[in-house]
Amino acid sequence: MDKIYYITLLYDFYGELLTEKQKAVITQHFLNDLSLNEVAIEHNITRQAVLDMIRRTEKLLLQYEDKLQLVKKYLVRKEKVSDVLKRLDALGNDEKIEDIKSLVSQILD
C-alpha cells in the first residue's frame, strides 16, 4: 500500500488524537501536498523541525494503529464488502439483488 495513502488513512482514524500543530503539519504536507519548506514557512519553523514532527507524528499514528487496529479492521471489511459485491454481480441484475448491492455498498460509506 502506498505510504501517503496509508498515512492519510491513519490520520482519518486517529487524527483527533493529535495536537493541533501535528494535525496542521500532517494536513498541509500529506493532504494539501505542501513541501517541507512550504510547511516550515507557514509555521515559522525550520524544514528539519517539520521533518522531525512528521516522523514523530507518523510513529505516533502507527502506535495507535498497533494498539487499536482500526485501519486494519476497516481494510478487511472493505475487502469483504468488495468480495460480496463481486459475488452479487455474478448472480445477475435482478431487482432484489440490486437492492442488496445498494445496501452492501453503504456499509463503508
PDB file of N, CA and C in Angstrom:
ATOM      1  N   MET A   1       0.847  -1.178   0.000  1.00  0.00           N
ATOM      2  CA  MET A   1       0.000   0.000   0.000  1.00  0.00           C
ATOM      3  C   MET A   1       0.895   1.244   0.000  1.00  0.00           C
ATOM      4  N   ASP A   2       0.477   2.223  -0.744  1.00  0.00           N
ATOM      5  CA  ASP A   2       1.197   3.484  -0.851  1.00  0.00           C
ATOM      6  C   ASP A   2       1.296   4.161   0.520  1.00  0.00           C
ATOM      7  N   LYS A   3       2.494   4.660   0.842  1.00  0.00           N
ATOM      8  CA  LYS A   3       2.725   5.255   2.163  1.00  0.00           C
ATOM      9  C   LYS A   3       1.803   6.449   2.421  1.00  0.00           C
ATOM     10  N   ILE A   4       1.665   7.313   1.441  1.00  0.00           N
ATOM     11  CA  ILE A   4       0.835   8.507   1.630  1.00  0.00           C
ATOM     12  C   ILE A   4      -0.616   8.105   1.874  1.00  0.00           C
ATOM     13  N   TYR A   5      -1.104   7.129   1.110  1.00  0.00           N
ATOM     14  CA  TYR A   5      -2.474   6.648   1.301  1.00  0.00           C
ATOM     15  C   TYR A   5      -2.644   6.076   2.707  1.00  0.00           C
ATOM     16  N   TYR A   6      -1.663   5.294   3.147  1.00  0.00           N
ATOM     17  CA  TYR A   6      -1.747   4.670   4.467  1.00  0.00           C
ATOM     18  C   TYR A   6      -1.711   5.728   5.581  1.00  0.00           C
ATOM     19  N   ILE A   7      -0.835   6.702   5.452  1.00  0.00           N
ATOM     20  CA  ILE A   7      -0.752   7.766   6.464  1.00  0.00           C
ATOM     21  C   ILE A   7      -2.062   8.553   6.507  1.00  0.00           C
ATOM     22  N   THR A   8      -2.647   8.830   5.352  1.00  0.00           N
ATOM     23  CA  THR A   8      -3.919   9.562   5.360  1.00  0.00           C
ATOM     24  C   THR A   8      -5.041   8.726   5.968  1.00  0.00           C
ATOM     25  N   LEU A   9      -5.004   7.409   5.753  1.00  0.00           N
ATOM     26  CA  LEU A   9      -5.981   6.539   6.423  1.00  0.00           C
ATOM     27  C   LEU A   9      -5.793   6.593   7.935  1.00  0.00           C
ATOM     28  N   LEU A  10      -4.547   6.481   8.368  1.00  0.00           N
ATOM     29  CA  LEU A  10      -4.264   6.569   9.803  1.00  0.00           C
ATOM     30  C   LEU A  10      -4.744   7.907  10.352  1.00  0.00           C
ATOM     31  N   TYR A  11      -4.482   8.966   9.600  1.00  0.00           N
ATOM     32  CA  TYR A  11      -4.910  10.302  10.029  1.00  0.00           C
ATOM     33  C   TYR A  11      -6.436  10.387  10.119  1.00  0.00           C
ATOM     34  N   ASP A  12      -7.122   9.793   9.146  1.00  0.00           N
ATOM     35  CA  ASP A  12      -8.594   9.800   9.176  1.00  0.00           C
ATOM     36  C   ASP A  12      -9.132   9.127  10.434  1.00  0.00           C
ATOM     37  N   PHE A  13      -8.489   8.046  10.841  1.00  0.00           N
ATOM     38  CA  PHE A  13      -8.970   7.300  12.000  1.00  0.00           C
ATOM     39  C   PHE A  13      -8.498   7.892  13.329  1.00  0.00           C
ATOM     40  N   TYR A  14      -7.265   8.374  13.370  1.00  0.00           N
ATOM     41  CA  TYR A  14      -6.673   8.781  14.647  1.00  0.00           C
ATOM     42  C   TYR A  14      -6.318  10.265  14.725  1.00  0.00           C
ATOM     43  N   GLY A  15      -6.644  11.035  13.717  1.00  0.00           N
ATOM     44  CA  GLY A  15      -6.254  12.444  13.660  1.00  0.00           C
ATOM     45  C   GLY A  15      -6.708  13.269  14.846  1.00  0.00           C
ATOM     46  N   GLU A  16      -7.865  12.950  15.385  1.00  0.00           N
ATOM     47  CA  GLU A  16      -8.377  13.732  16.515  1.00  0.00           C
ATOM     48  C   GLU A  16      -7.573  13.504  17.795  1.00  0.00           C
ATOM     49  N   LEU A  17      -6.720  12.501  17.798  1.00  0.00           N
ATOM     50  CA  LEU A  17      -5.874  12.241  18.964  1.00  0.00           C
ATOM     51  C   LEU A  17      -4.574  13.051  18.922  1.00  0.00           C
ATOM     52  N   LEU A  18      -4.344  13.753  17.823  1.00  0.00           N
ATOM     53  CA  LEU A  18      -3.123  14.541  17.656  1.00  0.00           C
ATOM     54  C   LEU A  18      -3.324  15.960  18.175  1.00  0.00           C
ATOM     55  N   THR A  19      -2.196  16.638  18.429  1.00  0.00           N
ATOM     56  CA  THR A  19      -2.266  18.050  18.806  1.00  0.00           C
ATOM     57  C   THR A  19      -2.650  18.870  17.577  1.00  0.00           C
ATOM     58  N   GLU A  20      -3.055  20.100  17.801  1.00  0.00           N
ATOM     59  CA  GLU A  20      -3.446  20.973  16.689  1.00  0.00           C
ATOM     60  C   GLU A  20      -2.277  21.188  15.727  1.00  0.00           C
ATOM     61  N   LYS A  21      -1.077  21.360  16.264  1.00  0.00           N
ATOM     62  CA  LYS A  21       0.094  21.587  15.410  1.00  0.00           C
ATOM     63  C   LYS A  21       0.413  20.338  14.587  1.00  0.00           C
ATOM     64  N   GLN A  22       0.334  19.156  15.217  1.00  0.00           N
ATOM     65  CA  GLN A  22       0.562  17.910  14.485  1.00  0.00           C
ATOM     66  C   GLN A  22      -0.463  17.760  13.361  1.00  0.00           C
ATOM     67  N   LYS A  23      -1.716  18.046  13.685  1.00  0.00           N
ATOM     68  CA  LYS A  23      -2.770  17.952  12.665  1.00  0.00           C
ATOM     69  C   LYS A  23      -2.490  18.906  11.506  1.00  0.00           C
ATOM     70  N   ALA A  24      -2.097  20.125  11.829  1.00  0.00           N
ATOM     71  CA  ALA A  24      -1.845  21.126  10.793  1.00  0.00           C
ATOM     72  C   ALA A  24      -0.701  20.699   9.880  1.00  0.00           C
ATOM     73  N   VAL A  25       0.391  20.226  10.462  1.00  0.00           N
ATOM     74  CA  VAL A  25       1.560  19.835   9.667  1.00  0.00           C
ATOM     75  C   VAL A  25       1.232  18.626   8.790  1.00  0.00           C
ATOM     76  N   ILE A  26       0.588  17.622   9.353  1.00  0.00           N
ATOM     77  CA  ILE A  26       0.233  16.429   8.575  1.00  0.00           C
ATOM     78  C   ILE A  26      -0.746  16.798   7.459  1.00  0.00           C
ATOM     79  N   THR A  27      -1.725  17.615   7.777  1.00  0.00           N
ATOM     80  CA  THR A  27      -2.706  18.035   6.769  1.00  0.00           C
ATOM     81  C   THR A  27      -2.030  18.788   5.635  1.00  0.00           C
ATOM     82  N   GLN A  28      -1.175  19.730   5.981  1.00  0.00           N
ATOM     83  CA  GLN A  28      -0.521  20.526   4.947  1.00  0.00           C
ATOM     84  C   GLN A  28       0.413  19.684   4.088  1.00  0.00           C
ATOM     85  N   HIS A  29       1.180  18.811   4.720  1.00  0.00           N
ATOM     86  CA  HIS A  29       2.166  18.045   3.959  1.00  0.00           C
ATOM     87  C   HIS A  29       1.529  16.908   3.155  1.00  0.00           C
ATOM     88  N   PHE A  30       0.685  16.111   3.786  1.00  0.00           N
ATOM     89  CA  PHE A  30       0.138  14.937   3.106  1.00  0.00           C
ATOM     90  C   PHE A  30      -1.154  15.222   2.345  1.00  0.00           C
ATOM     91  N   LEU A  31      -2.060  15.954   2.934  1.00  0.00           N
ATOM     92  CA  LEU A  31      -3.357  16.164   2.291  1.00  0.00           C
ATOM     93  C   LEU A  31      -3.342  17.326   1.302  1.00  0.00           C
ATOM     94  N   ASN A  32      -2.608  18.392   1.632  1.00  0.00           N
ATOM     95  CA  ASN A  32      -2.537  19.553   0.743  1.00  0.00           C
ATOM     96  C   ASN A  32      -1.295  19.534  -0.134  1.00  0.00           C
ATOM     97  N   ASP A  33      -0.447  18.523   0.044  1.00  0.00           N
ATOM     98  CA  ASP A  33       0.740  18.301  -0.787  1.00  0.00           C
ATOM     99  C   ASP A  33       1.723  19.476  -0.771  1.00  0.00           C
ATOM    100  N   LEU A  34       1.875  20.109   0.393  1.00  0.00           N
ATOM    101  CA  LEU A  34       2.879  21.163   0.519  1.00  0.00           C
ATOM    102  C   LEU A  34       4.244  20.532   0.788  1.00  0.00           C
ATOM    103  N   SER A  35       5.290  21.173   0.290  1.00  0.00           N
ATOM    104  CA  SER A  35       6.644  20.689   0.551  1.00  0.00           C
ATOM    105  C   SER A  35       7.018  20.976   2.003  1.00  0.00           C
ATOM    106  N   LEU A  36       8.111  20.369   2.437  1.00  0.00           N
ATOM    107  CA  LEU A  36       8.597  20.630   3.794  1.00  0.00           C
ATOM    108  C   LEU A  36       8.909  22.112   3.978  1.00  0.00           C
ATOM    109  N   ASN A  37       9.519  22.717   2.950  1.00  0.00           N
ATOM    110  CA  ASN A  37       9.839  24.149   3.028  1.00  0.00           C
ATOM    111  C   ASN A  37       8.584  25.005   3.158  1.00  0.00           C
ATOM    112  N   GLU A  38       7.561  24.673   2.397  1.00  0.00           N
ATOM    113  CA  GLU A  38       6.319  25.452   2.461  1.00  0.00           C
ATOM    114  C   GLU A  38       5.664  25.339   3.836  1.00  0.00           C
ATOM    115  N   VAL A  39       5.675  24.144   4.395  1.00  0.00           N
ATOM    116  CA  VAL A  39       5.112  23.946   5.735  1.00  0.00           C
ATOM    117  C   VAL A  39       5.945  24.707   6.760  1.00  0.00           C
ATOM    118  N   ALA A  40       7.272  24.658   6.599  1.00  0.00           N
ATOM    119  CA  ALA A  40       8.167  25.358   7.529  1.00  0.00           C
ATOM    120  C   ALA A  40       7.900  26.861   7.513  1.00  0.00           C
ATOM    121  N   ILE A  41       7.743  27.417   6.338  1.00  0.00           N
ATOM    122  CA  ILE A  41       7.463  28.855   6.221  1.00  0.00           C
ATOM    123  C   ILE A  41       6.122  29.186   6.870  1.00  0.00           C
ATOM    124  N   GLU A  42       5.134  28.355   6.623  1.00  0.00           N
ATOM    125  CA  GLU A  42       3.788  28.571   7.181  1.00  0.00           C
ATOM    126  C   GLU A  42       3.803  28.613   8.709  1.00  0.00           C
ATOM    127  N   HIS A  43       4.651  27.768   9.324  1.00  0.00           N
ATOM    128  CA  HIS A  43       4.680  27.666  10.786  1.00  0.00           C
ATOM    129  C   HIS A  43       5.867  28.388  11.419  1.00  0.00           C
ATOM    130  N   ASN A  44       6.668  29.041  10.577  1.00  0.00           N
ATOM    131  CA  ASN A  44       7.825  29.785  11.056  1.00  0.00           C
ATOM    132  C   ASN A  44       8.781  28.891  11.853  1.00  0.00           C
ATOM    133  N   ILE A  45       9.037  27.698  11.308  1.00  0.00           N
ATOM    134  CA  ILE A  45       9.995  26.759  11.897  1.00  0.00           C
ATOM    135  C   ILE A  45      10.910  26.264  10.785  1.00  0.00           C
ATOM    136  N   THR A  46      11.936  25.527  11.158  1.00  0.00           N
ATOM    137  CA  THR A  46      12.872  25.037  10.152  1.00  0.00           C
ATOM    138  C   THR A  46      12.296  23.832   9.416  1.00  0.00           C
ATOM    139  N   ARG A  47      12.871  23.592   8.254  1.00  0.00           N
ATOM    140  CA  ARG A  47      12.493  22.423   7.462  1.00  0.00           C
ATOM    141  C   ARG A  47      12.754  21.153   8.263  1.00  0.00           C
ATOM    142  N   GLN A  48      13.866  21.128   8.985  1.00  0.00           N
ATOM    143  CA  GLN A  48      14.216  19.966   9.809  1.00  0.00           C
ATOM    144  C   GLN A  48      13.188  19.750  10.920  1.00  0.00           C
ATOM    145  N   ALA A  49      12.700  20.832  11.498  1.00  0.00           N
ATOM    146  CA  ALA A  49      11.678  20.717  12.544  1.00  0.00           C
ATOM    147  C   ALA A  49      10.390  20.118  11.976  1.00  0.00           C
ATOM    148  N   VAL A  50      10.048  20.505  10.755  1.00  0.00           N
ATOM    149  CA  VAL A  50       8.862  19.935  10.097  1.00  0.00           C
ATOM    150  C   VAL A  50       9.062  18.444   9.872  1.00  0.00           C
ATOM    151  N   LEU A  51      10.222  18.083   9.350  1.00  0.00           N
ATOM    152  CA  LEU A  51      10.514  16.671   9.096  1.00  0.00           C
ATOM    153  C   LEU A  51      10.470  15.864  10.389  1.00  0.00           C
ATOM    154  N   ASP A  52      11.056  16.401  11.450  1.00  0.00           N
ATOM    155  CA  ASP A  52      11.025  15.712  12.749  1.00  0.00           C
ATOM    156  C   ASP A  52       9.594  15.538  13.251  1.00  0.00           C
ATOM    157  N   MET A  53       8.785  16.582  13.109  1.00  0.00           N
ATOM    158  CA  MET A  53       7.401  16.498  13.566  1.00  0.00           C
ATOM    159  C   MET A  53       6.621  15.458  12.754  1.00  0.00           C
ATOM    160  N   ILE A  54       6.853  15.432  11.450  1.00  0.00           N
ATOM    161  CA  ILE A  54       6.174  14.448  10.602  1.00  0.00           C
ATOM    162  C   ILE A  54       6.572  13.037  11.015  1.00  0.00           C
ATOM    163  N   ARG A  55       7.853  12.818  11.219  1.00  0.00           N
ATOM    164  CA  ARG A  55       8.315  11.478  11.624  1.00  0.00           C
ATOM    165  C   ARG A  55       7.738  11.063  12.976  1.00  0.00           C
ATOM    166  N   ARG A  56       7.749  11.981  13.939  1.00  0.00           N
ATOM    167  CA  ARG A  56       7.180  11.668  15.264  1.00  0.00           C
ATOM    168  C   ARG A  56       5.683  11.393  15.171  1.00  0.00           C
ATOM    169  N   THR A  57       5.010  12.183  14.369  1.00  0.00           N
ATOM    170  CA  THR A  57       3.563  12.013  14.227  1.00  0.00           C
ATOM    171  C   THR A  57       3.236  10.706  13.507  1.00  0.00           C
ATOM    172  N   GLU A  58       4.002  10.374  12.471  1.00  0.00           N
ATOM    173  CA  GLU A  58       3.807   9.086  11.788  1.00  0.00           C
ATOM    174  C   GLU A  58       3.998   7.938  12.774  1.00  0.00           C
ATOM    175  N   LYS A  59       5.046   8.034  13.579  1.00  0.00           N
ATOM    176  CA  LYS A  59       5.318   6.995  14.576  1.00  0.00           C
ATOM    177  C   LYS A  59       4.157   6.882  15.562  1.00  0.00           C
ATOM    178  N   LEU A  60       3.642   8.014  15.992  1.00  0.00           N
ATOM    179  CA  LEU A  60       2.519   8.034  16.925  1.00  0.00           C
ATOM    180  C   LEU A  60       1.274   7.400  16.298  1.00  0.00           C
ATOM    181  N   LEU A  61       0.986   7.756  15.048  1.00  0.00           N
ATOM    182  CA  LEU A  61      -0.163   7.172  14.353  1.00  0.00           C
ATOM    183  C   LEU A  61      -0.009   5.656  14.218  1.00  0.00           C
ATOM    184  N   LEU A  62       1.200   5.210  13.924  1.00  0.00           N
ATOM    185  CA  LEU A  62       1.457   3.767  13.817  1.00  0.00           C
ATOM    186  C   LEU A  62       1.295   3.070  15.167  1.00  0.00           C
ATOM    187  N   GLN A  63       1.682   3.753  16.243  1.00  0.00           N
ATOM    188  CA  GLN A  63       1.484   3.178  17.582  1.00  0.00           C
ATOM    189  C   GLN A  63      -0.002   3.039  17.898  1.00  0.00           C
ATOM    190  N   TYR A  64      -0.787   4.048  17.544  1.00  0.00           N
ATOM    191  CA  TYR A  64      -2.239   3.953  17.740  1.00  0.00           C
ATOM    192  C   TYR A  64      -2.793   2.761  16.965  1.00  0.00           C
ATOM    193  N   GLU A  65      -2.335   2.609  15.728  1.00  0.00           N
ATOM    194  CA  GLU A  65      -2.826   1.501  14.901  1.00  0.00           C
ATOM    195  C   GLU A  65      -2.399   0.152  15.473  1.00  0.00           C
ATOM    196  N   ASP A  66      -1.171   0.058  15.977  1.00  0.00           N
ATOM    197  CA  ASP A  66      -0.712  -1.195  16.587  1.00  0.00           C
ATOM    198  C   ASP A  66      -1.610  -1.607  17.745  1.00  0.00           C
ATOM    199  N   LYS A  67      -2.046  -0.644  18.520  1.00  0.00           N
ATOM    200  CA  LYS A  67      -2.875  -0.948  19.691  1.00  0.00           C
ATOM    201  C   LYS A  67      -4.351  -1.160  19.333  1.00  0.00           C
ATOM    202  N   LEU A  68      -4.890  -0.314  18.474  1.00  0.00           N
ATOM    203  CA  LEU A  68      -6.330  -0.330  18.209  1.00  0.00           C
ATOM    204  C   LEU A  68      -6.729  -1.097  16.942  1.00  0.00           C
ATOM    205  N   GLN A  69      -5.863  -1.105  15.958  1.00  0.00           N
ATOM    206  CA  GLN A  69      -6.053  -1.817  14.692  1.00  0.00           C
ATOM    207  C   GLN A  69      -7.349  -1.451  13.967  1.00  0.00           C
ATOM    208  N   LEU A  70      -7.747  -0.204  14.059  1.00  0.00           N
ATOM    209  CA  LEU A  70      -8.967   0.234  13.388  1.00  0.00           C
ATOM    210  C   LEU A  70      -8.809   0.247  11.870  1.00  0.00           C
ATOM    211  N   VAL A  71      -7.659   0.679  11.381  1.00  0.00           N
ATOM    212  CA  VAL A  71      -7.430   0.721   9.938  1.00  0.00           C
ATOM    213  C   VAL A  71      -7.379  -0.694   9.378  1.00  0.00           C
ATOM    214  N   LYS A  72      -6.700  -1.580  10.074  1.00  0.00           N
ATOM    215  CA  LYS A  72      -6.618  -2.974   9.625  1.00  0.00           C
ATOM    216  C   LYS A  72      -8.016  -3.584   9.522  1.00  0.00           C
ATOM    217  N   LYS A  73      -8.833  -3.369  10.533  1.00  0.00           N
ATOM    218  CA  LYS A  73     -10.202  -3.901  10.526  1.00  0.00           C
ATOM    219  C   LYS A  73     -11.022  -3.277   9.400  1.00  0.00           C
ATOM    220  N   TYR A  74     -10.827  -1.989   9.178  1.00  0.00           N
ATOM    221  CA  TYR A  74     -11.535  -1.307   8.095  1.00  0.00           C
ATOM    222  C   TYR A  74     -11.154  -1.907   6.743  1.00  0.00           C
ATOM    223  N   LEU A  75      -9.855  -2.120   6.525  1.00  0.00           N
ATOM    224  CA  LEU A  75      -9.398  -2.663   5.246  1.00  0.00           C
ATOM    225  C   LEU A  75      -9.907  -4.083   5.027  1.00  0.00           C
ATOM    226  N   VAL A  76      -9.973  -4.878   6.089  1.00  0.00           N
ATOM    227  CA  VAL A  76     -10.517  -6.238   5.983  1.00  0.00           C
ATOM    228  C   VAL A  76     -12.000  -6.170   5.619  1.00  0.00           C
ATOM    229  N   ARG A  77     -12.747  -5.296   6.290  1.00  0.00           N
ATOM    230  CA  ARG A  77     -14.181  -5.135   5.979  1.00  0.00           C
ATOM    231  C   ARG A  77     -14.376  -4.668   4.537  1.00  0.00           C
ATOM    232  N   LYS A  78     -13.541  -3.731   4.119  1.00  0.00           N
ATOM    233  CA  LYS A  78     -13.637  -3.207   2.761  1.00  0.00           C
ATOM    234  C   LYS A  78     -13.411  -4.323   1.740  1.00  0.00           C
ATOM    235  N   GLU A  79     -12.442  -5.165   1.997  1.00  0.00           N
ATOM    236  CA  GLU A  79     -12.154  -6.306   1.117  1.00  0.00           C
ATOM    237  C   GLU A  79     -13.335  -7.272   1.076  1.00  0.00           C
ATOM    238  N   LYS A  80     -13.920  -7.552   2.225  1.00  0.00           N
ATOM    239  CA  LYS A  80     -15.063  -8.468   2.288  1.00  0.00           C
ATOM    240  C   LYS A  80     -16.278  -7.890   1.571  1.00  0.00           C
ATOM    241  N   VAL A  81     -16.517  -6.610   1.742  1.00  0.00           N
ATOM    242  CA  VAL A  81     -17.635  -5.966   1.052  1.00  0.00           C
ATOM    243  C   VAL A  81     -17.421  -6.034  -0.455  1.00  0.00           C
ATOM    244  N   SER A  82     -16.203  -5.790  -0.892  1.00  0.00           N
ATOM    245  CA  SER A  82     -15.879  -5.878  -2.311  1.00  0.00           C
ATOM    246  C   SER A  82     -16.138  -7.289  -2.836  1.00  0.00           C
ATOM    247  N   ASP A  83     -15.762  -8.288  -2.060  1.00  0.00           N
ATOM    248  CA  ASP A  83     -15.995  -9.683  -2.447  1.00  0.00           C
ATOM    249  C   ASP A  83     -17.492  -9.981  -2.540  1.00  0.00           C
ATOM    250  N   VAL A  84     -18.259  -9.509  -1.573  1.00  0.00           N
ATOM    251  CA  VAL A  84     -19.715  -9.709  -1.596  1.00  0.00           C
ATOM    252  C   VAL A  84     -20.317  -9.058  -2.841  1.00  0.00           C
ATOM    253  N   LEU A  85     -19.878  -7.850  -3.169  1.00  0.00           N
ATOM    254  CA  LEU A  85     -20.402  -7.162  -4.349  1.00  0.00           C
ATOM    255  C   LEU A  85     -20.066  -7.914  -5.635  1.00  0.00           C
ATOM    256  N   LYS A  86     -18.867  -8.462  -5.720  1.00  0.00           N
ATOM    257  CA  LYS A  86     -18.485  -9.256  -6.896  1.00  0.00           C
ATOM    258  C   LYS A  86     -19.363 -10.491  -7.022  1.00  0.00           C
ATOM    259  N   ARG A  87     -19.616 -11.146  -5.902  1.00  0.00           N
ATOM    260  CA  ARG A  87     -20.470 -12.336  -5.927  1.00  0.00           C
ATOM    261  C   ARG A  87     -21.907 -11.977  -6.311  1.00  0.00           C
ATOM    262  N   LEU A  88     -22.378 -10.844  -5.835  1.00  0.00           N
ATOM    263  CA  LEU A  88     -23.719 -10.405  -6.209  1.00  0.00           C
ATOM    264  C   LEU A  88     -23.789 -10.065  -7.695  1.00  0.00           C
ATOM    265  N   ASP A  89     -22.728  -9.466  -8.228  1.00  0.00           N
ATOM    266  CA  ASP A  89     -22.680  -9.169  -9.661  1.00  0.00           C
ATOM    267  C   ASP A  89     -22.796 -10.441 -10.491  1.00  0.00           C
ATOM    268  N   ALA A  90     -22.179 -11.509 -10.002  1.00  0.00           N
ATOM    269  CA  ALA A  90     -22.209 -12.781 -10.726  1.00  0.00           C
ATOM    270  C   ALA A  90     -23.612 -13.391 -10.761  1.00  0.00           C
ATOM    271  N   LEU A  91     -24.477 -12.981  -9.851  1.00  0.00           N
ATOM    272  CA  LEU A  91     -25.834 -13.528  -9.795  1.00  0.00           C
ATOM    273  C   LEU A  91     -26.777 -12.886 -10.807  1.00  0.00           C
ATOM    274  N   GLY A  92     -26.394 -11.766 -11.363  1.00  0.00           N
ATOM    275  CA  GLY A  92     -27.245 -11.106 -12.346  1.00  0.00           C
ATOM    276  C   GLY A  92     -27.729  -9.760 -11.866  1.00  0.00           C
ATOM    277  N   ASN A  93     -28.747  -9.246 -12.566  1.00  0.00           N
ATOM    278  CA  ASN A  93     -29.239  -7.899 -12.275  1.00  0.00           C
ATOM    279  C   ASN A  93     -30.689  -7.885 -11.813  1.00  0.00           C
ATOM    280  N   ASP A  94     -31.088  -8.881 -11.095  1.00  0.00           N
ATOM    281  CA  ASP A  94     -32.429  -8.933 -10.527  1.00  0.00           C
ATOM    282  C   ASP A  94     -32.638  -7.722  -9.613  1.00  0.00           C
ATOM    283  N   GLU A  95     -33.866  -7.249  -9.506  1.00  0.00           N
ATOM    284  CA  GLU A  95     -34.165  -6.066  -8.687  1.00  0.00           C
ATOM    285  C   GLU A  95     -33.785  -6.273  -7.224  1.00  0.00           C
ATOM    286  N   LYS A  96     -34.051  -7.455  -6.699  1.00  0.00           N
ATOM    287  CA  LYS A  96     -33.705  -7.739  -5.304  1.00  0.00           C
ATOM    288  C   LYS A  96     -32.193  -7.728  -5.106  1.00  0.00           C
ATOM    289  N   ILE A  97     -31.484  -8.260  -6.068  1.00  0.00           N
ATOM    290  CA  ILE A  97     -30.014  -8.276  -5.991  1.00  0.00           C
ATOM    291  C   ILE A  97     -29.480  -6.847  -6.031  1.00  0.00           C
ATOM    292  N   GLU A  98     -30.051  -6.016  -6.883  1.00  0.00           N
ATOM    293  CA  GLU A  98     -29.628  -4.609  -6.958  1.00  0.00           C
ATOM    294  C   GLU A  98     -29.881  -3.889  -5.632  1.00  0.00           C
ATOM    295  N   ASP A  99     -31.006  -4.188  -4.993  1.00  0.00           N
ATOM    296  CA  ASP A  99     -31.297  -3.600  -3.678  1.00  0.00           C
ATOM    297  C   ASP A  99     -30.260  -4.030  -2.648  1.00  0.00           C
ATOM    298  N   ILE A 100     -29.911  -5.305  -2.670  1.00  0.00           N
ATOM    299  CA  ILE A 100     -28.909  -5.827  -1.731  1.00  0.00           C
ATOM    300  C   ILE A 100     -27.557  -5.178  -2.010  1.00  0.00           C
ATOM    301  N   LYS A 101     -27.186  -5.069  -3.289  1.00  0.00           N
ATOM    302  CA  LYS A 101     -25.912  -4.433  -3.649  1.00  0.00           C
ATOM    303  C   LYS A 101     -25.866  -2.989  -3.152  1.00  0.00           C
ATOM    304  N   SER A 102     -26.974  -2.305  -3.274  1.00  0.00           N
ATOM    305  CA  SER A 102     -27.040  -0.921  -2.802  1.00  0.00           C
ATOM    306  C   SER A 102     -26.823  -0.844  -1.295  1.00  0.00           C
ATOM    307  N   LEU A 103     -27.461  -1.737  -0.568  1.00  0.00           N
ATOM    308  CA  LEU A 103     -27.291  -1.768   0.894  1.00  0.00           C
ATOM    309  C   LEU A 103     -25.863  -2.125   1.290  1.00  0.00           C
ATOM    310  N   VAL A 104     -25.301  -3.116   0.619  1.00  0.00           N
ATOM    311  CA  VAL A 104     -23.934  -3.551   0.934  1.00  0.00           C
ATOM    312  C   VAL A 104     -22.946  -2.423   0.641  1.00  0.00           C
ATOM    313  N   SER A 105     -23.166  -1.693  -0.437  1.00  0.00           N
ATOM    314  CA  SER A 105     -22.275  -0.579  -0.797  1.00  0.00           C
ATOM    315  C   SER A 105     -22.268   0.513   0.266  1.00  0.00           C
ATOM    316  N   GLN A 106     -23.372   0.659   0.979  1.00  0.00           N
ATOM    317  CA  GLN A 106     -23.482   1.698   2.001  1.00  0.00           C
ATOM    318  C   GLN A 106     -22.735   1.352   3.289  1.00  0.00           C
ATOM    319  N   ILE A 107     -22.319   0.119   3.439  1.00  0.00           N
ATOM    320  CA  ILE A 107     -21.656  -0.308   4.678  1.00  0.00           C
ATOM    321  C   ILE A 107     -20.407   0.520   4.961  1.00  0.00           C
ATOM    322  N   LEU A 108     -19.625   0.796   3.948  1.00  0.00           N
ATOM    323  CA  LEU A 108     -18.363   1.514   4.162  1.00  0.00           C
ATOM    324  C   LEU A 108     -18.472   3.016   3.926  1.00  0.00           C
ATOM    325  N   ASP A 109     -19.630   3.483   3.521  1.00  0.00           N
ATOM    326  CA  ASP A 109     -19.789   4.927   3.291  1.00  0.00           C
ATOM    327  C   ASP A 109     -19.818   5.698   4.578  1.00  0.00           C
TER     328      ASP A 109
END
